[in-house]
């Protein structure tokens, strides 16, 4: 396991810890929406970006071979 694989733990901690973060459970709206909704949507986008980053790093390090076209 490479050190950059530790980034995969961030979305898990952020989403499982949502009920325990006081700044997310406030009554003050963020961008006119409930803070929990903004928090979860932001982490959905960030999770996709983190997964893409880890996939690219794995491909570059040779752990994963890029997809080959059929018949080539």
N, C-alpha and C. Protein backbone atom coordinates (compact mmCIF):
# COMPACT_ATOMS: atom_id res chain seq x y z
N UNK A 1 0.85 -1.18 0.00
CA UNK A 1 0.00 0.00 0.00
C UNK A 1 0.89 1.24 0.00
N UNK A 2 0.57 2.13 -0.89
CA UNK A 2 1.33 3.37 -1.01
C UNK A 2 0.77 4.43 -0.06
N UNK A 3 1.58 5.43 0.28
CA UNK A 3 1.10 6.47 1.20
C UNK A 3 -0.11 7.24 0.69
N UNK A 4 -0.24 7.41 -0.63
CA UNK A 4 -1.37 8.18 -1.13
C UNK A 4 -2.69 7.41 -1.00
N UNK A 5 -2.63 6.12 -0.70
CA UNK A 5 -3.86 5.37 -0.45
C UNK A 5 -4.53 5.81 0.87
N UNK A 6 -3.78 6.47 1.72
CA UNK A 6 -4.36 6.97 2.97
C UNK A 6 -5.42 8.04 2.71
N UNK A 7 -5.37 8.67 1.53
CA UNK A 7 -6.39 9.66 1.18
C UNK A 7 -7.78 9.05 1.11
N UNK A 8 -7.86 7.75 0.88
CA UNK A 8 -9.16 7.09 0.76
C UNK A 8 -9.91 7.05 2.09
N UNK A 9 -9.22 7.31 3.17
CA UNK A 9 -9.86 7.30 4.49
C UNK A 9 -10.59 8.62 4.75
N UNK A 10 -10.17 9.70 4.10
CA UNK A 10 -10.77 11.01 4.35
C UNK A 10 -12.28 11.06 4.12
N UNK A 11 -12.79 10.58 2.97
CA UNK A 11 -14.25 10.64 2.80
C UNK A 11 -15.01 9.79 3.81
N UNK A 12 -14.44 8.68 4.20
CA UNK A 12 -15.09 7.82 5.19
C UNK A 12 -15.22 8.55 6.52
N UNK A 13 -14.13 9.16 6.95
CA UNK A 13 -14.15 9.90 8.22
C UNK A 13 -15.10 11.09 8.13
N UNK A 14 -15.05 11.80 7.01
CA UNK A 14 -15.89 13.00 6.86
C UNK A 14 -17.38 12.66 6.86
N UNK A 15 -17.75 11.59 6.17
CA UNK A 15 -19.17 11.26 6.08
C UNK A 15 -19.68 10.54 7.32
N UNK A 16 -18.88 9.67 7.91
CA UNK A 16 -19.31 9.01 9.13
C UNK A 16 -19.29 9.96 10.33
N UNK A 17 -18.44 10.96 10.28
CA UNK A 17 -18.35 11.92 11.38
C UNK A 17 -19.31 13.07 11.27
N UNK A 18 -20.10 13.13 10.21
CA UNK A 18 -21.02 14.24 9.98
C UNK A 18 -21.90 14.57 11.20
N UNK A 19 -22.49 13.59 11.87
CA UNK A 19 -23.34 13.96 13.02
C UNK A 19 -22.58 14.55 14.20
N UNK A 20 -21.27 14.35 14.22
CA UNK A 20 -20.47 14.79 15.37
C UNK A 20 -19.77 16.13 15.15
N UNK A 21 -19.82 16.66 13.93
CA UNK A 21 -19.17 17.93 13.64
C UNK A 21 -20.15 19.07 13.93
N UNK A 22 -19.87 19.91 14.94
CA UNK A 22 -20.82 20.96 15.30
C UNK A 22 -21.02 22.01 14.20
N UNK A 23 -20.00 22.28 13.39
CA UNK A 23 -20.15 23.29 12.35
C UNK A 23 -21.06 22.80 11.22
N UNK A 24 -21.21 21.50 11.07
CA UNK A 24 -22.12 20.96 10.05
C UNK A 24 -23.55 20.92 10.58
N UNK A 25 -23.72 20.75 11.86
CA UNK A 25 -25.04 20.63 12.46
C UNK A 25 -25.56 21.96 12.99
N UNK A 26 -25.11 23.03 12.43
CA UNK A 26 -25.58 24.35 12.87
C UNK A 26 -26.89 24.70 12.16
N UNK A 27 -27.56 25.71 12.65
CA UNK A 27 -28.83 26.14 12.07
C UNK A 27 -28.62 27.20 10.98
N UNK A 28 -27.41 27.71 10.86
CA UNK A 28 -27.11 28.74 9.87
C UNK A 28 -26.96 28.10 8.49
N UNK A 29 -27.75 28.55 7.51
CA UNK A 29 -27.65 27.92 6.18
C UNK A 29 -26.35 28.27 5.47
N UNK A 30 -25.88 27.34 4.68
CA UNK A 30 -24.72 27.53 3.80
C UNK A 30 -25.26 27.62 2.38
N UNK A 31 -25.01 28.72 1.71
CA UNK A 31 -25.47 28.93 0.34
C UNK A 31 -27.00 28.76 0.24
N UNK A 32 -27.70 29.06 1.31
CA UNK A 32 -29.15 28.96 1.32
C UNK A 32 -29.68 27.55 1.51
N UNK A 33 -28.82 26.60 1.82
CA UNK A 33 -29.22 25.20 2.00
C UNK A 33 -28.81 24.73 3.39
N UNK A 34 -29.40 23.64 3.86
CA UNK A 34 -28.97 23.09 5.15
C UNK A 34 -27.50 22.66 5.07
N UNK A 35 -26.73 22.94 6.12
CA UNK A 35 -25.30 22.63 6.09
C UNK A 35 -25.00 21.15 5.84
N UNK A 36 -25.83 20.26 6.35
CA UNK A 36 -25.57 18.83 6.16
C UNK A 36 -25.68 18.47 4.68
N UNK A 37 -26.63 19.05 3.99
CA UNK A 37 -26.80 18.77 2.56
C UNK A 37 -25.59 19.25 1.77
N UNK A 38 -25.12 20.45 2.06
CA UNK A 38 -23.94 20.99 1.38
C UNK A 38 -22.72 20.14 1.69
N UNK A 39 -22.56 19.74 2.95
CA UNK A 39 -21.42 18.93 3.39
C UNK A 39 -21.37 17.59 2.65
N UNK A 40 -22.51 16.90 2.61
CA UNK A 40 -22.55 15.58 1.97
C UNK A 40 -22.35 15.71 0.46
N UNK A 41 -22.95 16.69 -0.16
CA UNK A 41 -22.76 16.88 -1.60
C UNK A 41 -21.31 17.23 -1.94
N UNK A 42 -20.71 18.07 -1.13
CA UNK A 42 -19.30 18.42 -1.35
C UNK A 42 -18.41 17.19 -1.21
N UNK A 43 -18.68 16.35 -0.23
CA UNK A 43 -17.86 15.16 -0.05
C UNK A 43 -18.12 14.11 -1.13
N UNK A 44 -19.29 14.11 -1.73
CA UNK A 44 -19.52 13.21 -2.87
C UNK A 44 -18.63 13.61 -4.04
N UNK A 45 -18.54 14.91 -4.30
CA UNK A 45 -17.67 15.39 -5.37
C UNK A 45 -16.21 15.14 -5.02
N UNK A 46 -15.82 15.46 -3.79
CA UNK A 46 -14.43 15.25 -3.37
C UNK A 46 -14.05 13.77 -3.38
N UNK A 47 -14.98 12.89 -3.05
CA UNK A 47 -14.70 11.46 -3.09
C UNK A 47 -14.37 11.02 -4.51
N UNK A 48 -15.12 11.52 -5.48
CA UNK A 48 -14.84 11.19 -6.88
C UNK A 48 -13.46 11.68 -7.30
N UNK A 49 -13.11 12.89 -6.88
CA UNK A 49 -11.80 13.43 -7.22
C UNK A 49 -10.67 12.65 -6.56
N UNK A 50 -10.87 12.26 -5.32
CA UNK A 50 -9.85 11.48 -4.61
C UNK A 50 -9.68 10.11 -5.26
N UNK A 51 -10.78 9.46 -5.61
CA UNK A 51 -10.69 8.16 -6.28
C UNK A 51 -9.99 8.27 -7.63
N UNK A 52 -10.27 9.32 -8.38
CA UNK A 52 -9.60 9.52 -9.66
C UNK A 52 -8.10 9.75 -9.46
N UNK A 53 -7.74 10.52 -8.45
CA UNK A 53 -6.33 10.77 -8.15
C UNK A 53 -5.60 9.48 -7.80
N UNK A 54 -6.20 8.67 -6.94
CA UNK A 54 -5.56 7.42 -6.54
C UNK A 54 -5.46 6.46 -7.73
N UNK A 55 -6.47 6.41 -8.57
CA UNK A 55 -6.41 5.56 -9.75
C UNK A 55 -5.29 5.98 -10.68
N UNK A 56 -5.16 7.29 -10.92
CA UNK A 56 -4.08 7.77 -11.80
C UNK A 56 -2.70 7.45 -11.21
N UNK A 57 -2.56 7.64 -9.91
CA UNK A 57 -1.27 7.33 -9.28
C UNK A 57 -0.96 5.85 -9.36
N UNK A 58 -1.96 4.99 -9.19
CA UNK A 58 -1.75 3.55 -9.32
C UNK A 58 -1.36 3.18 -10.75
N UNK A 59 -1.99 3.80 -11.73
CA UNK A 59 -1.64 3.51 -13.12
C UNK A 59 -0.22 3.96 -13.43
N UNK A 60 0.16 5.14 -12.93
CA UNK A 60 1.51 5.65 -13.19
C UNK A 60 2.58 4.82 -12.50
N UNK A 61 2.26 4.28 -11.34
CA UNK A 61 3.26 3.49 -10.62
C UNK A 61 3.38 2.07 -11.16
N UNK A 62 2.51 1.71 -12.10
CA UNK A 62 2.59 0.39 -12.70
C UNK A 62 1.80 -0.68 -11.97
N UNK A 63 1.08 -0.30 -10.95
CA UNK A 63 0.27 -1.27 -10.21
C UNK A 63 -0.94 -1.70 -11.01
N UNK A 64 -1.43 -0.81 -11.86
CA UNK A 64 -2.57 -1.10 -12.72
C UNK A 64 -2.16 -0.83 -14.15
N UNK A 65 -2.56 -1.71 -15.04
CA UNK A 65 -2.29 -1.48 -16.46
C UNK A 65 -3.46 -0.69 -17.03
N UNK A 66 -3.18 0.30 -17.88
CA UNK A 66 -4.28 1.02 -18.51
C UNK A 66 -5.08 0.08 -19.40
N UNK A 67 -6.35 0.38 -19.58
CA UNK A 67 -7.20 -0.49 -20.39
C UNK A 67 -6.70 -0.54 -21.81
N UNK A 68 -6.63 -1.76 -22.35
CA UNK A 68 -6.23 -1.95 -23.75
C UNK A 68 -7.48 -2.12 -24.59
N UNK A 69 -7.39 -1.68 -25.84
CA UNK A 69 -8.52 -1.80 -26.74
C UNK A 69 -8.66 -3.27 -27.16
N UNK A 70 -9.89 -3.68 -27.40
CA UNK A 70 -10.13 -5.05 -27.84
C UNK A 70 -9.58 -5.26 -29.24
N UNK A 71 -8.97 -6.41 -29.44
CA UNK A 71 -8.46 -6.76 -30.78
C UNK A 71 -7.12 -6.16 -31.09
N UNK A 72 -6.48 -5.48 -30.19
CA UNK A 72 -5.18 -4.87 -30.47
C UNK A 72 -4.04 -5.79 -30.10
